PDB file of N, CA and C in Angstrom:
ATOM      1  N   MET A   1      -4.856  16.511 -28.197  1.00  0.00           N
ATOM      2  CA  MET A   1      -3.977  17.053 -27.165  1.00  0.00           C
ATOM      3  C   MET A   1      -4.523  18.404 -26.699  1.00  0.00           C
ATOM      4  N   ALA A   2      -4.302  18.692 -25.451  1.00  0.00           N
ATOM      5  CA  ALA A   2      -4.784  19.946 -24.868  1.00  0.00           C
ATOM      6  C   ALA A   2      -4.036  21.132 -25.474  1.00  0.00           C
ATOM      7  N   SER A   3      -4.715  22.251 -25.544  1.00  0.00           N
ATOM      8  CA  SER A   3      -4.072  23.403 -26.163  1.00  0.00           C
ATOM      9  C   SER A   3      -3.971  24.614 -25.234  1.00  0.00           C
ATOM     10  N   HIS A   4      -4.821  24.686 -24.226  1.00  0.00           N
ATOM     11  CA  HIS A   4      -4.755  25.813 -23.292  1.00  0.00           C
ATOM     12  C   HIS A   4      -3.638  25.578 -22.282  1.00  0.00           C
ATOM     13  N   GLU A   5      -3.075  26.677 -21.798  1.00  0.00           N
ATOM     14  CA  GLU A   5      -1.994  26.551 -20.816  1.00  0.00           C
ATOM     15  C   GLU A   5      -2.448  25.806 -19.575  1.00  0.00           C
ATOM     16  N   SER A   6      -3.644  26.107 -19.114  1.00  0.00           N
ATOM     17  CA  SER A   6      -4.135  25.458 -17.897  1.00  0.00           C
ATOM     18  C   SER A   6      -4.347  23.961 -18.130  1.00  0.00           C
ATOM     19  N   ALA A   7      -4.814  23.599 -19.330  1.00  0.00           N
ATOM     20  CA  ALA A   7      -5.016  22.187 -19.637  1.00  0.00           C
ATOM     21  C   ALA A   7      -3.677  21.468 -19.760  1.00  0.00           C
ATOM     22  N   LEU A   8      -2.686  22.139 -20.322  1.00  0.00           N
ATOM     23  CA  LEU A   8      -1.355  21.551 -20.430  1.00  0.00           C
ATOM     24  C   LEU A   8      -0.747  21.335 -19.046  1.00  0.00           C
ATOM     25  N   LYS A   9      -0.936  22.328 -18.166  1.00  0.00           N
ATOM     26  CA  LYS A   9      -0.417  22.194 -16.806  1.00  0.00           C
ATOM     27  C   LYS A   9      -1.130  21.050 -16.076  1.00  0.00           C
ATOM     28  N   ALA A  10      -2.446  20.957 -16.233  1.00  0.00           N
ATOM     29  CA  ALA A  10      -3.193  19.881 -15.590  1.00  0.00           C
ATOM     30  C   ALA A  10      -2.715  18.523 -16.099  1.00  0.00           C
ATOM     31  N   HIS A  11      -2.396  18.449 -17.383  1.00  0.00           N
ATOM     32  CA  HIS A  11      -1.897  17.195 -17.934  1.00  0.00           C
ATOM     33  C   HIS A  11      -0.534  16.835 -17.344  1.00  0.00           C
ATOM     34  N   ARG A  12       0.342  17.822 -17.227  1.00  0.00           N
ATOM     35  CA  ARG A  12       1.656  17.581 -16.611  1.00  0.00           C
ATOM     36  C   ARG A  12       1.493  17.097 -15.170  1.00  0.00           C
ATOM     37  N   GLN A  13       0.592  17.745 -14.438  1.00  0.00           N
ATOM     38  CA  GLN A  13       0.374  17.361 -13.055  1.00  0.00           C
ATOM     39  C   GLN A  13      -0.185  15.940 -12.951  1.00  0.00           C
ATOM     40  N   SER A  14      -1.098  15.596 -13.843  1.00  0.00           N
ATOM     41  CA  SER A  14      -1.681  14.259 -13.781  1.00  0.00           C
ATOM     42  C   SER A  14      -0.636  13.197 -14.103  1.00  0.00           C
ATOM     43  N   GLU A  15       0.286  13.498 -15.017  1.00  0.00           N
ATOM     44  CA  GLU A  15       1.368  12.554 -15.324  1.00  0.00           C
ATOM     45  C   GLU A  15       2.259  12.330 -14.100  1.00  0.00           C
ATOM     46  N   LYS A  16       2.606  13.409 -13.404  1.00  0.00           N
ATOM     47  CA  LYS A  16       3.451  13.300 -12.213  1.00  0.00           C
ATOM     48  C   LYS A  16       2.731  12.527 -11.108  1.00  0.00           C
ATOM     49  N   ASN A  17       1.448  12.849 -10.915  1.00  0.00           N
ATOM     50  CA  ASN A  17       0.675  12.156  -9.882  1.00  0.00           C
ATOM     51  C   ASN A  17       0.526  10.674 -10.205  1.00  0.00           C
ATOM     52  N   ARG A  18       0.331  10.375 -11.463  1.00  0.00           N
ATOM     53  CA  ARG A  18       0.184   8.975 -11.881  1.00  0.00           C
ATOM     54  C   ARG A  18       1.463   8.197 -11.613  1.00  0.00           C
ATOM     55  N   ALA A  19       2.597   8.797 -11.931  1.00  0.00           N
ATOM     56  CA  ALA A  19       3.880   8.136 -11.686  1.00  0.00           C
ATOM     57  C   ALA A  19       4.110   7.933 -10.193  1.00  0.00           C
ATOM     58  N   ARG A  20       3.785   8.942  -9.400  1.00  0.00           N
ATOM     59  CA  ARG A  20       3.965   8.851  -7.953  1.00  0.00           C
ATOM     60  C   ARG A  20       3.051   7.780  -7.362  1.00  0.00           C
ATOM     61  N   ASN A  21       1.789   7.754  -7.808  1.00  0.00           N
ATOM     62  CA  ASN A  21       0.846   6.764  -7.300  1.00  0.00           C
ATOM     63  C   ASN A  21       1.261   5.350  -7.682  1.00  0.00           C
ATOM     64  N   ARG A  22       1.800   5.180  -8.898  1.00  0.00           N
ATOM     65  CA  ARG A  22       2.269   3.857  -9.308  1.00  0.00           C
ATOM     66  C   ARG A  22       3.411   3.402  -8.413  1.00  0.00           C
ATOM     67  N   GLN A  23       4.302   4.324  -8.075  1.00  0.00           N
ATOM     68  CA  GLN A  23       5.433   4.002  -7.210  1.00  0.00           C
ATOM     69  C   GLN A  23       4.941   3.600  -5.815  1.00  0.00           C
ATOM     70  N   PHE A  24       3.997   4.369  -5.270  1.00  0.00           N
ATOM     71  CA  PHE A  24       3.445   4.055  -3.957  1.00  0.00           C
ATOM     72  C   PHE A  24       2.736   2.698  -3.964  1.00  0.00           C
ATOM     73  N   ARG A  25       1.917   2.448  -5.000  1.00  0.00           N
ATOM     74  CA  ARG A  25       1.198   1.186  -5.088  1.00  0.00           C
ATOM     75  C   ARG A  25       2.161   0.011  -5.186  1.00  0.00           C
ATOM     76  N   SER A  26       3.245   0.205  -5.908  1.00  0.00           N
ATOM     77  CA  SER A  26       4.249  -0.839  -6.050  1.00  0.00           C
ATOM     78  C   SER A  26       4.897  -1.150  -4.699  1.00  0.00           C
ATOM     79  N   ARG A  27       5.239  -0.101  -3.944  1.00  0.00           N
ATOM     80  CA  ARG A  27       5.814  -0.298  -2.606  1.00  0.00           C
ATOM     81  C   ARG A  27       4.840  -1.032  -1.702  1.00  0.00           C
ATOM     82  N   LEU A  28       3.578  -0.658  -1.779  1.00  0.00           N
ATOM     83  CA  LEU A  28       2.555  -1.280  -0.944  1.00  0.00           C
ATOM     84  C   LEU A  28       2.408  -2.752  -1.289  1.00  0.00           C
ATOM     85  N   ARG A  29       2.335  -3.069  -2.585  1.00  0.00           N
ATOM     86  CA  ARG A  29       2.188  -4.464  -2.994  1.00  0.00           C
ATOM     87  C   ARG A  29       3.392  -5.291  -2.566  1.00  0.00           C
ATOM     88  N   GLY A  30       4.569  -4.710  -2.669  1.00  0.00           N
ATOM     89  CA  GLY A  30       5.773  -5.421  -2.248  1.00  0.00           C
ATOM     90  C   GLY A  30       5.775  -5.704  -0.760  1.00  0.00           C
ATOM     91  N   ALA A  31       5.347  -4.726   0.030  1.00  0.00           N
ATOM     92  CA  ALA A  31       5.293  -4.912   1.487  1.00  0.00           C
ATOM     93  C   ALA A  31       4.272  -5.983   1.857  1.00  0.00           C
ATOM     94  N   LEU A  32       3.106  -5.950   1.205  1.00  0.00           N
ATOM     95  CA  LEU A  32       2.080  -6.948   1.492  1.00  0.00           C
ATOM     96  C   LEU A  32       2.572  -8.341   1.105  1.00  0.00           C
ATOM     97  N   LYS A  33       3.248  -8.434  -0.018  1.00  0.00           N
ATOM     98  CA  LYS A  33       3.749  -9.728  -0.475  1.00  0.00           C
ATOM     99  C   LYS A  33       4.803 -10.275   0.483  1.00  0.00           C
ATOM    100  N   SER A  34       5.679  -9.400   0.995  1.00  0.00           N
ATOM    101  CA  SER A  34       6.730  -9.877   1.897  1.00  0.00           C
ATOM    102  C   SER A  34       6.137 -10.406   3.203  1.00  0.00           C
ATOM    103  N   ILE A  35       5.115  -9.745   3.724  1.00  0.00           N
ATOM    104  CA  ILE A  35       4.478 -10.227   4.957  1.00  0.00           C
ATOM    105  C   ILE A  35       3.775 -11.559   4.701  1.00  0.00           C
ATOM    106  N   ARG A  36       3.049 -11.637   3.585  1.00  0.00           N
ATOM    107  CA  ARG A  36       2.349 -12.885   3.273  1.00  0.00           C
ATOM    108  C   ARG A  36       3.330 -14.042   3.094  1.00  0.00           C
ATOM    109  N   THR A  37       4.465 -13.764   2.474  1.00  0.00           N
ATOM    110  CA  THR A  37       5.484 -14.798   2.288  1.00  0.00           C
ATOM    111  C   THR A  37       6.041 -15.244   3.632  1.00  0.00           C
ATOM    112  N   ALA A  38       6.272 -14.282   4.536  1.00  0.00           N
ATOM    113  CA  ALA A  38       6.781 -14.619   5.863  1.00  0.00           C
ATOM    114  C   ALA A  38       5.772 -15.467   6.631  1.00  0.00           C
ATOM    115  N   ILE A  39       4.502 -15.135   6.511  1.00  0.00           N
ATOM    116  CA  ILE A  39       3.468 -15.901   7.207  1.00  0.00           C
ATOM    117  C   ILE A  39       3.397 -17.317   6.635  1.00  0.00           C
ATOM    118  N   ASP A  40       3.418 -17.423   5.309  1.00  0.00           N
ATOM    119  CA  ASP A  40       3.342 -18.740   4.678  1.00  0.00           C
ATOM    120  C   ASP A  40       4.573 -19.582   4.994  1.00  0.00           C
ATOM    121  N   GLY A  41       5.712 -18.919   5.211  1.00  0.00           N
ATOM    122  CA  GLY A  41       6.934 -19.622   5.556  1.00  0.00           C
ATOM    123  C   GLY A  41       7.083 -19.879   7.037  1.00  0.00           C
ATOM    124  N   LYS A  42       6.026 -19.649   7.791  1.00  0.00           N
ATOM    125  CA  LYS A  42       5.994 -19.882   9.248  1.00  0.00           C
ATOM    126  C   LYS A  42       7.002 -19.019  10.010  1.00  0.00           C
ATOM    127  N   ASP A  43       7.363 -17.882   9.439  1.00  0.00           N
ATOM    128  CA  ASP A  43       8.286 -16.952  10.103  1.00  0.00           C
ATOM    129  C   ASP A  43       7.451 -15.839  10.739  1.00  0.00           C
ATOM    130  N   VAL A  44       6.777 -16.166  11.820  1.00  0.00           N
ATOM    131  CA  VAL A  44       5.808 -15.261  12.437  1.00  0.00           C
ATOM    132  C   VAL A  44       6.492 -14.040  13.041  1.00  0.00           C
ATOM    133  N   THR A  45       7.682 -14.213  13.611  1.00  0.00           N
ATOM    134  CA  THR A  45       8.360 -13.075  14.238  1.00  0.00           C
ATOM    135  C   THR A  45       8.734 -12.024  13.201  1.00  0.00           C
ATOM    136  N   ALA A  46       9.182 -12.456  12.037  1.00  0.00           N
ATOM    137  CA  ALA A  46       9.511 -11.501  10.970  1.00  0.00           C
ATOM    138  C   ALA A  46       8.248 -10.810  10.470  1.00  0.00           C
ATOM    139  N   ALA A  47       7.162 -11.559  10.374  1.00  0.00           N
ATOM    140  CA  ALA A  47       5.898 -10.983   9.913  1.00  0.00           C
ATOM    141  C   ALA A  47       5.377  -9.949  10.911  1.00  0.00           C
ATOM    142  N   GLU A  48       5.500 -10.255  12.202  1.00  0.00           N
ATOM    143  CA  GLU A  48       5.048  -9.296  13.215  1.00  0.00           C
ATOM    144  C   GLU A  48       5.893  -8.031  13.179  1.00  0.00           C
ATOM    145  N   GLY A  49       7.184  -8.181  12.945  1.00  0.00           N
ATOM    146  CA  GLY A  49       8.053  -7.009  12.859  1.00  0.00           C
ATOM    147  C   GLY A  49       7.735  -6.149  11.660  1.00  0.00           C
ATOM    148  N   ALA A  50       7.396  -6.784  10.548  1.00  0.00           N
ATOM    149  CA  ALA A  50       7.087  -6.028   9.333  1.00  0.00           C
ATOM    150  C   ALA A  50       5.671  -5.469   9.359  1.00  0.00           C
ATOM    151  N   LEU A  51       4.826  -6.004  10.226  1.00  0.00           N
ATOM    152  CA  LEU A  51       3.432  -5.562  10.265  1.00  0.00           C
ATOM    153  C   LEU A  51       3.313  -4.085  10.615  1.00  0.00           C
ATOM    154  N   LYS A  52       4.062  -3.622  11.602  1.00  0.00           N
ATOM    155  CA  LYS A  52       3.967  -2.225  12.030  1.00  0.00           C
ATOM    156  C   LYS A  52       4.336  -1.280  10.894  1.00  0.00           C
ATOM    157  N   GLN A  53       5.413  -1.594  10.185  1.00  0.00           N
ATOM    158  CA  GLN A  53       5.830  -0.741   9.060  1.00  0.00           C
ATOM    159  C   GLN A  53       4.810  -0.792   7.926  1.00  0.00           C
ATOM    160  N   THR A  54       4.274  -1.968   7.684  1.00  0.00           N
ATOM    161  CA  THR A  54       3.313  -2.108   6.592  1.00  0.00           C
ATOM    162  C   THR A  54       2.008  -1.397   6.917  1.00  0.00           C
ATOM    163  N   VAL A  55       1.560  -1.479   8.150  1.00  0.00           N
ATOM    164  CA  VAL A  55       0.334  -0.772   8.549  1.00  0.00           C
ATOM    165  C   VAL A  55       0.530   0.734   8.395  1.00  0.00           C
ATOM    166  N   SER A  56       1.715   1.204   8.760  1.00  0.00           N
ATOM    167  CA  SER A  56       2.016   2.623   8.587  1.00  0.00           C
ATOM    168  C   SER A  56       1.968   3.008   7.110  1.00  0.00           C
ATOM    169  N   LEU A  57       2.525   2.160   6.256  1.00  0.00           N
ATOM    170  CA  LEU A  57       2.510   2.417   4.821  1.00  0.00           C
ATOM    171  C   LEU A  57       1.088   2.391   4.272  1.00  0.00           C
ATOM    172  N   ILE A  58       0.286   1.455   4.740  1.00  0.00           N
ATOM    173  CA  ILE A  58      -1.109   1.361   4.298  1.00  0.00           C
ATOM    174  C   ILE A  58      -1.867   2.628   4.682  1.00  0.00           C
ATOM    175  N   ASP A  59      -1.677   3.086   5.922  1.00  0.00           N
ATOM    176  CA  ASP A  59      -2.353   4.302   6.375  1.00  0.00           C
ATOM    177  C   ASP A  59      -1.918   5.510   5.556  1.00  0.00           C
ATOM    178  N   LYS A  60      -0.634   5.572   5.240  1.00  0.00           N
ATOM    179  CA  LYS A  60      -0.118   6.682   4.441  1.00  0.00           C
ATOM    180  C   LYS A  60      -0.739   6.687   3.045  1.00  0.00           C
ATOM    181  N   MET A  61      -0.860   5.510   2.443  1.00  0.00           N
ATOM    182  CA  MET A  61      -1.447   5.412   1.103  1.00  0.00           C
ATOM    183  C   MET A  61      -2.926   5.812   1.125  1.00  0.00           C
ATOM    184  N   ALA A  62      -3.615   5.435   2.187  1.00  0.00           N
ATOM    185  CA  ALA A  62      -5.030   5.801   2.296  1.00  0.00           C
ATOM    186  C   ALA A  62      -5.189   7.303   2.492  1.00  0.00           C
ATOM    187  N   SER A  63      -4.316   7.910   3.291  1.00  0.00           N
ATOM    188  CA  SER A  63      -4.428   9.344   3.533  1.00  0.00           C
ATOM    189  C   SER A  63      -4.095  10.152   2.287  1.00  0.00           C
ATOM    190  N   LYS A  64      -3.231   9.627   1.434  1.00  0.00           N
ATOM    191  CA  LYS A  64      -2.872  10.316   0.199  1.00  0.00           C
ATOM    192  C   LYS A  64      -3.870  10.053  -0.928  1.00  0.00           C
ATOM    193  N   GLY A  65      -4.789   9.110  -0.714  1.00  0.00           N
ATOM    194  CA  GLY A  65      -5.791   8.825  -1.723  1.00  0.00           C
ATOM    195  C   GLY A  65      -5.340   7.816  -2.761  1.00  0.00           C
ATOM    196  N   VAL A  66      -4.215   7.150  -2.514  1.00  0.00           N
ATOM    197  CA  VAL A  66      -3.739   6.142  -3.457  1.00  0.00           C
ATOM    198  C   VAL A  66      -4.648   4.923  -3.399  1.00  0.00           C
ATOM    199  N   ILE A  67      -5.070   4.548  -2.194  1.00  0.00           N
ATOM    200  CA  ILE A  67      -6.049   3.478  -2.035  1.00  0.00           C
ATOM    201  C   ILE A  67      -7.197   4.018  -1.195  1.00  0.00           C
ATOM    202  N   HIS A  68      -8.329   3.362  -1.284  1.00  0.00           N
ATOM    203  CA  HIS A  68      -9.508   3.794  -0.543  1.00  0.00           C
ATOM    204  C   HIS A  68      -9.351   3.434   0.935  1.00  0.00           C
ATOM    205  N   ALA A  69      -9.983   4.193   1.784  1.00  0.00           N
ATOM    206  CA  ALA A  69      -9.881   3.967   3.229  1.00  0.00           C
ATOM    207  C   ALA A  69     -10.408   2.589   3.613  1.00  0.00           C
ATOM    208  N   ASN A  70     -11.479   2.150   2.972  1.00  0.00           N
ATOM    209  CA  ASN A  70     -12.016   0.819   3.276  1.00  0.00           C
ATOM    210  C   ASN A  70     -11.062  -0.281   2.837  1.00  0.00           C
ATOM    211  N   ALA A  71     -10.384  -0.077   1.715  1.00  0.00           N
ATOM    212  CA  ALA A  71      -9.399  -1.056   1.250  1.00  0.00           C
ATOM    213  C   ALA A  71      -8.243  -1.130   2.238  1.00  0.00           C
ATOM    214  N   ALA A  72      -7.818   0.018   2.757  1.00  0.00           N
ATOM    215  CA  ALA A  72      -6.742   0.050   3.744  1.00  0.00           C
ATOM    216  C   ALA A  72      -7.145  -0.720   4.997  1.00  0.00           C
ATOM    217  N   SER A  73      -8.349  -0.504   5.439  1.00  0.00           N
ATOM    218  CA  SER A  73      -8.847  -1.207   6.618  1.00  0.00           C
ATOM    219  C   SER A  73      -8.909  -2.711   6.371  1.00  0.00           C
ATOM    220  N   ARG A  74      -9.330  -3.085   5.178  1.00  0.00           N
ATOM    221  CA  ARG A  74      -9.423  -4.500   4.821  1.00  0.00           C
ATOM    222  C   ARG A  74      -8.045  -5.153   4.810  1.00  0.00           C
ATOM    223  N   TYR A  75      -7.052  -4.479   4.216  1.00  0.00           N
ATOM    224  CA  TYR A  75      -5.684  -5.009   4.193  1.00  0.00           C
ATOM    225  C   TYR A  75      -5.169  -5.235   5.610  1.00  0.00           C
ATOM    226  N   LYS A  76      -5.341  -4.231   6.465  1.00  0.00           N
ATOM    227  CA  LYS A  76      -4.829  -4.329   7.834  1.00  0.00           C
ATOM    228  C   LYS A  76      -5.520  -5.448   8.596  1.00  0.00           C
ATOM    229  N   SER A  77      -6.821  -5.556   8.443  1.00  0.00           N
ATOM    230  CA  SER A  77      -7.575  -6.579   9.150  1.00  0.00           C
ATOM    231  C   SER A  77      -7.146  -7.972   8.719  1.00  0.00           C
ATOM    232  N   ARG A  78      -7.007  -8.172   7.430  1.00  0.00           N
ATOM    233  CA  ARG A  78      -6.645  -9.499   6.926  1.00  0.00           C
ATOM    234  C   ARG A  78      -5.225  -9.886   7.331  1.00  0.00           C
ATOM    235  N   LEU A  79      -4.319  -8.916   7.321  1.00  0.00           N
ATOM    236  CA  LEU A  79      -2.953  -9.220   7.757  1.00  0.00           C
ATOM    237  C   LEU A  79      -2.923  -9.607   9.233  1.00  0.00           C
ATOM    238  N   ALA A  80      -3.618  -8.822  10.057  1.00  0.00           N
ATOM    239  CA  ALA A  80      -3.637  -9.111  11.492  1.00  0.00           C
ATOM    240  C   ALA A  80      -4.266 -10.467  11.759  1.00  0.00           C
ATOM    241  N   THR A  81      -5.319 -10.800  11.032  1.00  0.00           N
ATOM    242  CA  THR A  81      -5.990 -12.087  11.209  1.00  0.00           C
ATOM    243  C   THR A  81      -5.055 -13.238  10.831  1.00  0.00           C
ATOM    244  N   ARG A  82      -4.339 -13.088   9.717  1.00  0.00           N
ATOM    245  CA  ARG A  82      -3.443 -14.145   9.264  1.00  0.00           C
ATOM    246  C   ARG A  82      -2.277 -14.340  10.251  1.00  0.00           C
ATOM    247  N   ILE A  83      -1.771 -13.235  10.798  1.00  0.00           N
ATOM    248  CA  ILE A  83      -0.663 -13.349  11.766  1.00  0.00           C
ATOM    249  C   ILE A  83      -1.161 -14.012  13.046  1.00  0.00           C
ATOM    250  N   ALA A  84      -2.359 -13.636  13.490  1.00  0.00           N
ATOM    251  CA  ALA A  84      -2.910 -14.253  14.706  1.00  0.00           C
ATOM    252  C   ALA A  84      -3.137 -15.744  14.487  1.00  0.00           C
ATOM    253  N   ALA A  85      -3.596 -16.134  13.318  1.00  0.00           N
ATOM    254  CA  ALA A  85      -3.834 -17.548  13.030  1.00  0.00           C
ATOM    255  C   ALA A  85      -2.517 -18.311  12.957  1.00  0.00           C
ATOM    256  N   ALA A  86      -1.485 -17.675  12.406  1.00  0.00           N
ATOM    257  CA  ALA A  86      -0.184 -18.329  12.298  1.00  0.00           C
ATOM    258  C   ALA A  86       0.465 -18.471  13.674  1.00  0.00           C
ATOM    259  N   ARG A  87       0.215 -17.508  14.539  1.00  0.00           N
ATOM    260  CA  ARG A  87       0.774 -17.535  15.901  1.00  0.00           C
ATOM    261  C   ARG A  87       0.145 -18.647  16.727  1.00  0.00           C
ATOM    262  N   ALA A  88      -1.131 -18.897  16.496  1.00  0.00           N
ATOM    263  CA  ALA A  88      -1.858 -19.896  17.293  1.00  0.00           C
ATOM    264  C   ALA A  88      -1.521 -21.320  16.889  1.00  0.00           C
TER     265      ALA A  88
END
């Protein structure tokens, strides 16, 4: 265990950041799952409505460093592709 004050503070901060990142990742996974379920259930209008909110959430997670920018781009691209295919 850390013994210096600065190391103890860094440990406290890392615990808080870890909890926050887990919460954000959980929200992101839930949003992605709900859109995928809507697409698979042929509910394209619901998926299109949720897409804007999910893209915003993906961008927010990438800007905060929870996910990598390339991963965010990949998620958005794949969702848009799946919705376009379901619409056609």
